[in-house]
């Protein structure tokens, strides 16, 4: 799949330069988390789910109404710091310290519909790689067991996710709101791969400049 995306990018670059636009943007992403994944709401925890983000893309106009764009999207990084029970079923166990972090980055391909008032909508696919590392300094196998240091991680693989959004463009500047559905859960056999604290949808807003 990534070869196809890169092939489309190269095709866009090979088209006439006067029909091809390049833009970069900076923004903010807000990730989503669920109780029970690396933290438990009833115990002290700190989730960093808001991150700076970056986008760079090229866009080929088909006509006044439609365009195709492709590029690189760094959604951002997240982290968590929590006191939680090592038992999901019994929260009366002595608490352990759980610290984790990860990020999401990848490439996208989108179709775009432009309107005469400057508003546009776009949507396509995001080919991304998600990471996550988790460190537990005092994990225990049972309520009375001795503590031990444990380090686990997500095995990053390239995955596909939907990406869509809307925005407004005025001259060389635009503001875009977009959403992607990313996670670090491969559905692997329990104990061999581990999810990230972030899951479901991530919402981002960007300010872009077109050259």
C-alpha atoms as a PDB file:
ATOM      1  CA  UNK A   1       0.000   0.000   0.000  1.00  0.00           C
ATOM      2  CA  UNK A   2       2.767   2.474   0.831  1.00  0.00           C
ATOM      3  CA  UNK A   3       4.300   1.887  -2.615  1.00  0.00           C
ATOM      4  CA  UNK A   4       0.967   2.858  -4.179  1.00  0.00           C
ATOM      5  CA  UNK A   5       0.746   6.019  -2.094  1.00  0.00           C
ATOM      6  CA  UNK A   6       4.302   7.006  -2.984  1.00  0.00           C
ATOM      7  CA  UNK A   7       3.562   6.237  -6.614  1.00  0.00           C
ATOM      8  CA  UNK A   8       0.617   8.631  -6.584  1.00  0.00           C
ATOM      9  CA  UNK A   9       2.753  11.302  -4.919  1.00  0.00           C
ATOM     10  CA  UNK A  10       5.395  10.923  -7.630  1.00  0.00           C
ATOM     11  CA  UNK A  11       2.690  11.099 -10.289  1.00  0.00           C
ATOM     12  CA  UNK A  12       1.421  14.369  -8.842  1.00  0.00           C
ATOM     13  CA  UNK A  13       4.941  15.795  -8.797  1.00  0.00           C
ATOM     14  CA  UNK A  14       5.419  14.882 -12.457  1.00  0.00           C
ATOM     15  CA  UNK A  15       2.367  16.884 -13.523  1.00  0.00           C
ATOM     16  CA  UNK A  16       2.538  20.479 -14.692  1.00  0.00           C
ATOM     17  CA  UNK A  17       4.104  22.711 -12.070  1.00  0.00           C
ATOM     18  CA  UNK A  18       1.520  25.499 -12.509  1.00  0.00           C
ATOM     19  CA  UNK A  19      -1.258  23.109 -11.420  1.00  0.00           C
ATOM     20  CA  UNK A  20       0.557  21.736  -8.400  1.00  0.00           C
ATOM     21  CA  UNK A  21       0.506  23.385  -4.976  1.00  0.00           C
ATOM     22  CA  UNK A  22       2.718  22.661  -1.988  1.00  0.00           C
ATOM     23  CA  UNK A  23       1.676  23.560   1.555  1.00  0.00           C
ATOM     24  CA  UNK A  24       2.871  23.099   5.101  1.00  0.00           C
ATOM     25  CA  UNK A  25       0.934  23.497   8.307  1.00  0.00           C
ATOM     26  CA  UNK A  26       1.271  23.502  12.053  1.00  0.00           C
ATOM     27  CA  UNK A  27      -1.464  22.575  14.463  1.00  0.00           C
ATOM     28  CA  UNK A  28      -2.717  20.728  17.511  1.00  0.00           C
ATOM     29  CA  UNK A  29      -4.072  17.196  17.910  1.00  0.00           C
ATOM     30  CA  UNK A  30      -6.405  15.933  20.609  1.00  0.00           C
ATOM     31  CA  UNK A  31      -6.218  12.177  21.177  1.00  0.00           C
ATOM     32  CA  UNK A  32      -8.843  10.007  22.895  1.00  0.00           C
ATOM     33  CA  UNK A  33      -8.329   7.455  25.689  1.00  0.00           C
ATOM     34  CA  UNK A  34     -10.487   4.868  27.500  1.00  0.00           C
ATOM     35  CA  UNK A  35     -10.541   4.117  31.202  1.00  0.00           C
ATOM     36  CA  UNK A  36      -8.782   0.834  31.968  1.00  0.00           C
ATOM     37  CA  UNK A  37      -6.007   1.092  29.392  1.00  0.00           C
ATOM     38  CA  UNK A  38      -2.865   2.034  31.361  1.00  0.00           C
ATOM     39  CA  UNK A  39      -4.888   4.039  33.900  1.00  0.00           C
ATOM     40  CA  UNK A  40      -7.924   3.626  36.152  1.00  0.00           C
ATOM     41  CA  UNK A  41     -10.098   6.672  36.701  1.00  0.00           C
ATOM     42  CA  UNK A  42     -10.501   6.203  40.457  1.00  0.00           C
ATOM     43  CA  UNK A  43      -6.750   6.453  41.072  1.00  0.00           C
ATOM     44  CA  UNK A  44      -4.370   9.404  40.483  1.00  0.00           C
ATOM     45  CA  UNK A  45      -3.323   9.733  36.852  1.00  0.00           C
ATOM     46  CA  UNK A  46      -2.129  12.276  34.316  1.00  0.00           C
ATOM     47  CA  UNK A  47      -2.820  11.855  30.613  1.00  0.00           C
ATOM     48  CA  UNK A  48      -1.105  14.042  28.032  1.00  0.00           C
ATOM     49  CA  UNK A  49      -3.429  13.664  25.059  1.00  0.00           C
ATOM     50  CA  UNK A  50      -2.931  17.095  23.471  1.00  0.00           C
ATOM     51  CA  UNK A  51       0.051  17.454  21.152  1.00  0.00           C
ATOM     52  CA  UNK A  52       1.551  19.738  18.556  1.00  0.00           C
ATOM     53  CA  UNK A  53       1.174  18.362  15.024  1.00  0.00           C
ATOM     54  CA  UNK A  54       2.634  18.946  11.554  1.00  0.00           C
ATOM     55  CA  UNK A  55       1.443  18.424   7.987  1.00  0.00           C
ATOM     56  CA  UNK A  56       3.084  18.802   4.569  1.00  0.00           C
ATOM     57  CA  UNK A  57       1.279  18.069   1.324  1.00  0.00           C
ATOM     58  CA  UNK A  58       1.138  18.543  -2.406  1.00  0.00           C
ATOM     59  CA  UNK A  59      -2.150  19.139  -4.174  1.00  0.00           C
ATOM     60  CA  UNK A  60      -3.162  18.655  -7.784  1.00  0.00           C
ATOM     61  CA  UNK A  61      -6.263  20.503  -8.944  1.00  0.00           C
ATOM     62  CA  UNK A  62      -8.495  18.598 -11.352  1.00  0.00           C
ATOM     63  CA  UNK A  63     -10.789  21.566 -11.984  1.00  0.00           C
ATOM     64  CA  UNK A  64     -12.303  24.463 -10.040  1.00  0.00           C
ATOM     65  CA  UNK A  65     -14.258  22.071  -7.814  1.00  0.00           C
ATOM     66  CA  UNK A  66     -12.083  18.997  -7.289  1.00  0.00           C
ATOM     67  CA  UNK A  67      -8.489  18.217  -6.323  1.00  0.00           C
ATOM     68  CA  UNK A  68      -6.302  15.378  -5.051  1.00  0.00           C
ATOM     69  CA  UNK A  69      -3.710  15.806  -2.324  1.00  0.00           C
ATOM     70  CA  UNK A  70      -1.120  13.607  -0.661  1.00  0.00           C
ATOM     71  CA  UNK A  71       1.553  14.107   1.943  1.00  0.00           C
ATOM     72  CA  UNK A  72       3.018  13.491   5.368  1.00  0.00           C
ATOM     73  CA  UNK A  73       1.114  13.902   8.635  1.00  0.00           C
ATOM     74  CA  UNK A  74       2.633  13.828  12.109  1.00  0.00           C
ATOM     75  CA  UNK A  75      -0.349  13.559  14.437  1.00  0.00           C
ATOM     76  CA  UNK A  76       1.747  14.017  17.554  1.00  0.00           C
ATOM     77  CA  UNK A  77       2.804  12.284  20.745  1.00  0.00           C
ATOM     78  CA  UNK A  78       1.019  11.215  23.907  1.00  0.00           C
ATOM     79  CA  UNK A  79       2.018  10.027  27.369  1.00  0.00           C
ATOM     80  CA  UNK A  80       0.472   8.744  30.580  1.00  0.00           C
ATOM     81  CA  UNK A  81       1.555   8.610  34.209  1.00  0.00           C
ATOM     82  CA  UNK A  82      -0.718   6.690  36.555  1.00  0.00           C
ATOM     83  CA  UNK A  83      -1.076   4.819  39.805  1.00  0.00           C
ATOM     84  CA  UNK A  84      -3.156   1.714  39.140  1.00  0.00           C
ATOM     85  CA  UNK A  85      -3.846  -1.827  40.207  1.00  0.00           C
ATOM     86  CA  UNK A  86      -2.143  -4.583  38.245  1.00  0.00           C
ATOM     87  CA  UNK A  87      -5.427  -6.485  38.437  1.00  0.00           C
ATOM     88  CA  UNK A  88      -8.239  -5.244  36.222  1.00  0.00           C
ATOM     89  CA  UNK A  89     -10.692  -7.378  38.187  1.00  0.00           C
ATOM     90  CA  UNK A  90      -9.607  -6.439  41.729  1.00  0.00           C
ATOM     91  CA  UNK A  91      -8.644  -2.844  42.346  1.00  0.00           C
ATOM     92  CA  UNK A  92      -7.866  -3.504  46.016  1.00  0.00           C
ATOM     93  CA  UNK A  93      -4.344  -4.661  45.125  1.00  0.00           C
ATOM     94  CA  UNK A  94      -1.457  -2.359  46.123  1.00  0.00           C
ATOM     95  CA  UNK A  95      -1.007   0.232  43.404  1.00  0.00           C
ATOM     96  CA  UNK A  96       1.829   0.274  40.911  1.00  0.00           C
ATOM     97  CA  UNK A  97       3.392   3.119  38.922  1.00  0.00           C
ATOM     98  CA  UNK A  98       2.585   3.021  35.206  1.00  0.00           C
ATOM     99  CA  UNK A  99       4.393   5.351  32.797  1.00  0.00           C
ATOM    100  CA  UNK A 100       4.012   5.255  29.018  1.00  0.00           C
ATOM    101  CA  UNK A 101       4.485   7.274  25.847  1.00  0.00           C
ATOM    102  CA  UNK A 102       4.074   6.990  22.080  1.00  0.00           C
ATOM    103  CA  UNK A 103       3.370   8.841  18.839  1.00  0.00           C
ATOM    104  CA  UNK A 104       1.644   8.546  15.456  1.00  0.00           C
ATOM    105  CA  UNK A 105       2.980   9.492  12.026  1.00  0.00           C
ATOM    106  CA  UNK A 106       2.310   8.505   8.438  1.00  0.00           C
ATOM    107  CA  UNK A 107       1.217   9.389   4.908  1.00  0.00           C
ATOM    108  CA  UNK A 108      -2.183  10.259   3.494  1.00  0.00           C
ATOM    109  CA  UNK A 109      -4.059  10.424   0.199  1.00  0.00           C
ATOM    110  CA  UNK A 110      -7.264  12.459  -0.088  1.00  0.00           C
ATOM    111  CA  UNK A 111      -9.870  13.719  -2.502  1.00  0.00           C
ATOM    112  CA  UNK A 112     -10.989  17.336  -2.068  1.00  0.00           C
ATOM    113  CA  UNK A 113     -14.177  19.199  -2.942  1.00  0.00           C
ATOM    114  CA  UNK A 114     -13.824  22.981  -3.178  1.00  0.00           C
ATOM    115  CA  UNK A 115     -16.645  25.513  -2.983  1.00  0.00           C
ATOM    116  CA  UNK A 116     -16.738  29.051  -4.361  1.00  0.00           C
ATOM    117  CA  UNK A 117     -16.960  30.633  -0.876  1.00  0.00           C
ATOM    118  CA  UNK A 118     -13.564  29.194   0.160  1.00  0.00           C
ATOM    119  CA  UNK A 119     -14.923  26.241   2.137  1.00  0.00           C
ATOM    120  CA  UNK A 120     -13.663  22.768   1.277  1.00  0.00           C
ATOM    121  CA  UNK A 121     -14.189  19.199   2.424  1.00  0.00           C
ATOM    122  CA  UNK A 122     -11.753  16.326   1.977  1.00  0.00           C
ATOM    123  CA  UNK A 123     -11.385  12.671   2.836  1.00  0.00           C
ATOM    124  CA  UNK A 124      -9.302   9.609   2.127  1.00  0.00           C
ATOM    125  CA  UNK A 125      -6.943   7.180   3.794  1.00  0.00           C
ATOM    126  CA  UNK A 126      -4.117   7.571   6.308  1.00  0.00           C
ATOM    127  CA  UNK A 127      -1.281   5.024   6.205  1.00  0.00           C
ATOM    128  CA  UNK A 128       0.274   5.332   9.636  1.00  0.00           C
ATOM    129  CA  UNK A 129       2.587   3.777  12.183  1.00  0.00           C
ATOM    130  CA  UNK A 130       1.731   4.005  15.892  1.00  0.00           C
ATOM    131  CA  UNK A 131       4.179   3.480  18.764  1.00  0.00           C
ATOM    132  CA  UNK A 132       3.824   2.903  22.494  1.00  0.00           C
ATOM    133  CA  UNK A 133       6.205   2.037  25.344  1.00  0.00           C
ATOM    134  CA  UNK A 134       5.066   1.263  28.893  1.00  0.00           C
ATOM    135  CA  UNK A 135       7.228   1.053  32.017  1.00  0.00           C
ATOM    136  CA  UNK A 136       6.052  -0.346  35.384  1.00  0.00           C
ATOM    137  CA  UNK A 137       8.676  -0.044  38.098  1.00  0.00           C
ATOM    138  CA  UNK A 138       6.774  -2.057  40.706  1.00  0.00           C
ATOM    139  CA  UNK A 139       4.435  -4.457  38.909  1.00  0.00           C
ATOM    140  CA  UNK A 140       3.184  -7.459  40.866  1.00  0.00           C
ATOM    141  CA  UNK A 141       1.705 -10.775  39.736  1.00  0.00           C
ATOM    142  CA  UNK A 142      -0.595 -11.037  42.762  1.00  0.00           C
ATOM    143  CA  UNK A 143      -1.710  -8.862  45.650  1.00  0.00           C
ATOM    144  CA  UNK A 144       0.944 -10.292  47.984  1.00  0.00           C
ATOM    145  CA  UNK A 145       3.674 -10.896  45.400  1.00  0.00           C
ATOM    146  CA  UNK A 146       6.991  -9.066  45.418  1.00  0.00           C
ATOM    147  CA  UNK A 147       7.253  -6.176  42.975  1.00  0.00           C
ATOM    148  CA  UNK A 148       9.334  -6.352  39.809  1.00  0.00           C
ATOM    149  CA  UNK A 149      10.281  -4.028  36.962  1.00  0.00           C
ATOM    150  CA  UNK A 150       8.356  -4.630  33.738  1.00  0.00           C
ATOM    151  CA  UNK A 151       8.759  -2.989  30.354  1.00  0.00           C
ATOM    152  CA  UNK A 152       6.374  -3.720  27.468  1.00  0.00           C
ATOM    153  CA  UNK A 153       5.722  -2.135  24.097  1.00  0.00           C
ATOM    154  CA  UNK A 154       3.540  -2.094  21.031  1.00  0.00           C
ATOM    155  CA  UNK A 155       5.095  -3.665  17.945  1.00  0.00           C
ATOM    156  CA  UNK A 156       4.620  -0.879  15.369  1.00  0.00           C
ATOM    157  CA  UNK A 157       3.225  -1.838  11.984  1.00  0.00           C
ATOM    158  CA  UNK A 158       1.863   0.186   9.104  1.00  0.00           C
ATOM    159  CA  UNK A 159      -1.938   0.391   9.220  1.00  0.00           C
ATOM    160  CA  UNK A 160      -4.725   2.093   7.297  1.00  0.00           C
ATOM    161  CA  UNK A 161      -7.260   4.463   8.832  1.00  0.00           C
ATOM    162  CA  UNK A 162      -9.871   6.865   7.478  1.00  0.00           C
ATOM    163  CA  UNK A 163      -9.058  10.561   7.420  1.00  0.00           C
ATOM    164  CA  UNK A 164     -11.550  13.332   6.689  1.00  0.00           C
ATOM    165  CA  UNK A 165     -12.184  16.975   7.450  1.00  0.00           C
ATOM    166  CA  UNK A 166     -13.242  20.417   6.333  1.00  0.00           C
ATOM    167  CA  UNK A 167     -11.675  23.837   6.135  1.00  0.00           C
ATOM    168  CA  UNK A 168     -11.611  27.336   4.753  1.00  0.00           C
ATOM    169  CA  UNK A 169      -9.042  28.856   2.387  1.00  0.00           C
ATOM    170  CA  UNK A 170      -8.331  32.536   1.728  1.00  0.00           C
ATOM    171  CA  UNK A 171      -5.542  33.285  -0.715  1.00  0.00           C
ATOM    172  CA  UNK A 172      -2.449  31.372   0.473  1.00  0.00           C
ATOM    173  CA  UNK A 173      -3.746  30.646   3.976  1.00  0.00           C
ATOM    174  CA  UNK A 174      -6.156  27.990   5.141  1.00  0.00           C
ATOM    175  CA  UNK A 175      -7.536  26.572   8.368  1.00  0.00           C
ATOM    176  CA  UNK A 176      -8.488  22.890   8.413  1.00  0.00           C
ATOM    177  CA  UNK A 177     -10.196  20.654  10.960  1.00  0.00           C
ATOM    178  CA  UNK A 178      -9.623  16.944  10.457  1.00  0.00           C
ATOM    179  CA  UNK A 179     -10.210  13.637  12.170  1.00  0.00           C
ATOM    180  CA  UNK A 180      -8.486  10.263  11.972  1.00  0.00           C
ATOM    181  CA  UNK A 181      -9.150   6.919  13.656  1.00  0.00           C
ATOM    182  CA  UNK A 182      -5.815   5.609  14.912  1.00  0.00           C
ATOM    183  CA  UNK A 183      -4.728   3.117  17.561  1.00  0.00           C
ATOM    184  CA  UNK A 184      -1.859   0.800  18.479  1.00  0.00           C
ATOM    185  CA  UNK A 185      -3.842  -2.409  18.785  1.00  0.00           C
ATOM    186  CA  UNK A 186      -2.974  -5.143  16.317  1.00  0.00           C
ATOM    187  CA  UNK A 187      -5.326  -7.695  17.863  1.00  0.00           C
ATOM    188  CA  UNK A 188      -2.375  -9.920  18.687  1.00  0.00           C
ATOM    189  CA  UNK A 189      -2.393 -12.757  21.168  1.00  0.00           C
ATOM    190  CA  UNK A 190      -2.620 -11.351  24.680  1.00  0.00           C
ATOM    191  CA  UNK A 191       0.774 -10.903  26.269  1.00  0.00           C
ATOM    192  CA  UNK A 192       2.747 -10.579  23.040  1.00  0.00           C
ATOM    193  CA  UNK A 193       1.745  -7.090  21.933  1.00  0.00           C
ATOM    194  CA  UNK A 194       0.374  -4.134  23.834  1.00  0.00           C
ATOM    195  CA  UNK A 195      -1.992  -1.260  22.994  1.00  0.00           C
ATOM    196  CA  UNK A 196      -1.441   2.460  23.430  1.00  0.00           C
ATOM    197  CA  UNK A 197      -3.352   4.707  25.790  1.00  0.00           C
ATOM    198  CA  UNK A 198      -4.820   6.485  22.735  1.00  0.00           C
ATOM    199  CA  UNK A 199      -7.562   4.910  20.633  1.00  0.00           C
ATOM    200  CA  UNK A 200     -10.688   5.694  18.612  1.00  0.00           C
ATOM    201  CA  UNK A 201     -10.613   9.123  16.968  1.00  0.00           C
ATOM    202  CA  UNK A 202      -8.032  11.920  17.015  1.00  0.00           C
ATOM    203  CA  UNK A 203      -9.131  15.448  16.131  1.00  0.00           C
ATOM    204  CA  UNK A 204      -6.645  17.979  14.746  1.00  0.00           C
ATOM    205  CA  UNK A 205      -6.739  21.598  13.637  1.00  0.00           C
ATOM    206  CA  UNK A 206      -4.120  23.098  11.314  1.00  0.00           C
ATOM    207  CA  UNK A 207      -3.155  26.499   9.977  1.00  0.00           C
ATOM    208  CA  UNK A 208      -1.595  25.979   6.542  1.00  0.00           C
ATOM    209  CA  UNK A 209       0.333  28.110   4.091  1.00  0.00           C
ATOM    210  CA  UNK A 210       0.357  27.287   0.370  1.00  0.00           C
ATOM    211  CA  UNK A 211       3.356  28.233  -1.761  1.00  0.00           C
END
